[in-house]
Amino acid sequence: MHPEPDDLKILISKYRTMGIEELKSNIDDWEGKDDSFIQLENLDIAKNELELKYKERQEQIELLTKSLTSSSRFRRWISSVKAVIKQFIKLKNQKQ
C-alpha cells in the first residue's frame, strides 16, 4: 500500500521544516525500526531531504567563501590604492 499523494506532500513538507540534526536523528531512529514498506518509503524520502539539505548547506558555504574572498581582494585593492595615493601626496609635499 502506497501513501496518498497528499500524505506524501505533508510528509515532505514536515521533513523540509526539520533542521539537519533533527532530521538525521530521526533517520537514525527510524532505521532501527524499518518494519514496514511505508516506513521504508518514508525513510527514503527523509534521506533524500537530508541529502538536499546537505547540498544546500554546501552551496551556501561555497557562496559565502566566494563572497569573503572577493571582499578580501577588494579590501586589499583599496588598501593598495590608498598606499599609492599617500605616497603620491608625500612625494608632492616633499617637492614643494
C-alpha atoms as a PDB file:
ATOM      1  CA  MET A   1       0.000   0.000   0.000  1.00  0.00           C
ATOM      2  CA  HIS A   2       1.473   3.350  -1.103  1.00  0.00           C
ATOM      3  CA  PRO A   3       0.785   6.616   0.714  1.00  0.00           C
ATOM      4  CA  GLU A   4      -1.595   9.052  -0.945  1.00  0.00           C
ATOM      5  CA  PRO A   5      -0.033  11.995  -2.852  1.00  0.00           C
ATOM      6  CA  ASP A   6      -1.397  14.486  -0.295  1.00  0.00           C
ATOM      7  CA  ASP A   7       0.108  12.446   2.530  1.00  0.00           C
ATOM      8  CA  LEU A   8       3.457  12.487   0.724  1.00  0.00           C
ATOM      9  CA  LYS A   9       3.262  16.271   0.307  1.00  0.00           C
ATOM     10  CA  ILE A  10       2.579  16.679   4.026  1.00  0.00           C
ATOM     11  CA  LEU A  11       5.401  14.303   4.895  1.00  0.00           C
ATOM     12  CA  ILE A  12       7.877  16.073   2.608  1.00  0.00           C
ATOM     13  CA  SER A  13       6.786  19.444   3.975  1.00  0.00           C
ATOM     14  CA  LYS A  14       7.347  18.170   7.525  1.00  0.00           C
ATOM     15  CA  TYR A  15      10.840  16.921   6.647  1.00  0.00           C
ATOM     16  CA  ARG A  16      11.714  20.205   4.958  1.00  0.00           C
ATOM     17  CA  THR A  17      10.910  22.153   8.116  1.00  0.00           C
ATOM     18  CA  MET A  18      13.250  19.992  10.187  1.00  0.00           C
ATOM     19  CA  GLY A  19      16.815  21.033  10.709  1.00  0.00           C
ATOM     20  CA  ILE A  20      19.656  18.810   9.557  1.00  0.00           C
ATOM     21  CA  GLU A  21      20.433  17.482  13.037  1.00  0.00           C
ATOM     22  CA  GLU A  22      16.777  16.754  13.837  1.00  0.00           C
ATOM     23  CA  LEU A  23      16.237  15.017  10.508  1.00  0.00           C
ATOM     24  CA  LYS A  24      19.441  12.987  10.893  1.00  0.00           C
ATOM     25  CA  SER A  25      18.444  11.963  14.418  1.00  0.00           C
ATOM     26  CA  ASN A  26      15.003  10.856  13.234  1.00  0.00           C
ATOM     27  CA  ILE A  27      16.514   8.887  10.349  1.00  0.00           C
ATOM     28  CA  ASP A  28      18.838   7.102  12.772  1.00  0.00           C
ATOM     29  CA  ASP A  29      15.865   6.207  14.970  1.00  0.00           C
ATOM     30  CA  TRP A  30      13.748   5.056  12.014  1.00  0.00           C
ATOM     31  CA  GLU A  31      16.497   2.877  10.560  1.00  0.00           C
ATOM     32  CA  GLY A  32      16.306   0.635  13.614  1.00  0.00           C
ATOM     33  CA  LYS A  33      12.548   0.265  13.222  1.00  0.00           C
ATOM     34  CA  ASP A  34      12.148  -0.323   9.483  1.00  0.00           C
ATOM     35  CA  ASP A  35       9.482  -2.984   9.763  1.00  0.00           C
ATOM     36  CA  SER A  36       7.013  -1.881   7.105  1.00  0.00           C
ATOM     37  CA  PHE A  37       7.109  -0.863   3.462  1.00  0.00           C
ATOM     38  CA  ILE A  38       5.593   2.553   4.223  1.00  0.00           C
ATOM     39  CA  GLN A  39       8.243   3.216   6.851  1.00  0.00           C
ATOM     40  CA  LEU A  40      10.931   2.291   4.323  1.00  0.00           C
ATOM     41  CA  GLU A  41       9.420   4.711   1.800  1.00  0.00           C
ATOM     42  CA  ASN A  42       9.232   7.430   4.458  1.00  0.00           C
ATOM     43  CA  LEU A  43      12.828   6.725   5.402  1.00  0.00           C
ATOM     44  CA  ASP A  44      13.863   7.059   1.761  1.00  0.00           C
ATOM     45  CA  ILE A  45      12.057  10.391   1.489  1.00  0.00           C
ATOM     46  CA  ALA A  46      13.678  11.626   4.693  1.00  0.00           C
ATOM     47  CA  LYS A  47      17.140  10.585   3.452  1.00  0.00           C
ATOM     48  CA  ASN A  48      16.549  12.420   0.169  1.00  0.00           C
ATOM     49  CA  GLU A  49      15.529  15.552   2.067  1.00  0.00           C
ATOM     50  CA  LEU A  50      18.625  15.273   4.258  1.00  0.00           C
ATOM     51  CA  GLU A  51      20.805  14.989   1.165  1.00  0.00           C
ATOM     52  CA  LEU A  52      19.145  18.102  -0.291  1.00  0.00           C
ATOM     53  CA  LYS A  53      19.764  19.984   2.952  1.00  0.00           C
ATOM     54  CA  TYR A  54      23.441  18.989   2.893  1.00  0.00           C
ATOM     55  CA  LYS A  55      23.737  20.156  -0.735  1.00  0.00           C
ATOM     56  CA  GLU A  56      22.055  23.470   0.110  1.00  0.00           C
ATOM     57  CA  ARG A  57      24.395  23.929   3.068  1.00  0.00           C
ATOM     58  CA  GLN A  58      27.435  23.203   0.875  1.00  0.00           C
ATOM     59  CA  GLU A  59      26.220  25.697  -1.744  1.00  0.00           C
ATOM     60  CA  GLN A  60      25.756  28.338   0.962  1.00  0.00           C
ATOM     61  CA  ILE A  61      29.251  27.677   2.299  1.00  0.00           C
ATOM     62  CA  GLU A  62      30.745  27.968  -1.188  1.00  0.00           C
ATOM     63  CA  LEU A  63      28.840  31.193  -1.863  1.00  0.00           C
ATOM     64  CA  LEU A  64      29.951  32.654   1.444  1.00  0.00           C
ATOM     65  CA  THR A  65      33.542  31.620   0.788  1.00  0.00           C
ATOM     66  CA  LYS A  66      33.485  33.290  -2.636  1.00  0.00           C
ATOM     67  CA  SER A  67      31.950  36.406  -1.138  1.00  0.00           C
ATOM     68  CA  LEU A  68      34.551  36.610   1.610  1.00  0.00           C
ATOM     69  CA  THR A  69      37.366  36.007  -0.868  1.00  0.00           C
ATOM     70  CA  SER A  70      36.092  38.768  -3.132  1.00  0.00           C
ATOM     71  CA  SER A  71      35.659  41.083  -0.175  1.00  0.00           C
ATOM     72  CA  SER A  72      39.244  40.438   0.956  1.00  0.00           C
ATOM     73  CA  ARG A  73      40.594  41.102  -2.522  1.00  0.00           C
ATOM     74  CA  PHE A  74      38.602  44.316  -2.726  1.00  0.00           C
ATOM     75  CA  ARG A  75      39.912  45.470   0.665  1.00  0.00           C
ATOM     76  CA  ARG A  76      43.499  44.685  -0.363  1.00  0.00           C
ATOM     77  CA  TRP A  77      42.971  46.594  -3.616  1.00  0.00           C
ATOM     78  CA  ILE A  78      41.573  49.593  -1.712  1.00  0.00           C
ATOM     79  CA  SER A  79      44.495  49.445   0.730  1.00  0.00           C
ATOM     80  CA  SER A  80      46.947  49.373  -2.174  1.00  0.00           C
ATOM     81  CA  VAL A  81      45.278  52.354  -3.837  1.00  0.00           C
ATOM     82  CA  LYS A  82      45.332  54.268  -0.545  1.00  0.00           C
ATOM     83  CA  ALA A  83      49.029  53.487  -0.100  1.00  0.00           C
ATOM     84  CA  VAL A  84      49.810  54.725  -3.615  1.00  0.00           C
ATOM     85  CA  ILE A  85      47.826  57.911  -3.026  1.00  0.00           C
ATOM     86  CA  LYS A  86      49.621  58.505   0.294  1.00  0.00           C
ATOM     87  CA  GLN A  87      52.998  58.014  -1.409  1.00  0.00           C
ATOM     88  CA  PHE A  88      51.976  60.384  -4.192  1.00  0.00           C
ATOM     89  CA  ILE A  89      50.858  63.049  -1.692  1.00  0.00           C
ATOM     90  CA  LYS A  90      54.024  62.548   0.337  1.00  0.00           C
ATOM     91  CA  LEU A  91      56.223  62.971  -2.762  1.00  0.00           C
ATOM     92  CA  LYS A  92      54.235  66.019  -3.858  1.00  0.00           C
ATOM     93  CA  ASN A  93      54.612  67.622  -0.426  1.00  0.00           C
ATOM     94  CA  GLN A  94      58.358  66.914  -0.429  1.00  0.00           C
ATOM     95  CA  LYS A  95      58.781  68.679  -3.785  1.00  0.00           C
ATOM     96  CA  GLN A  96      57.024  71.790  -2.516  1.00  0.00           C
END
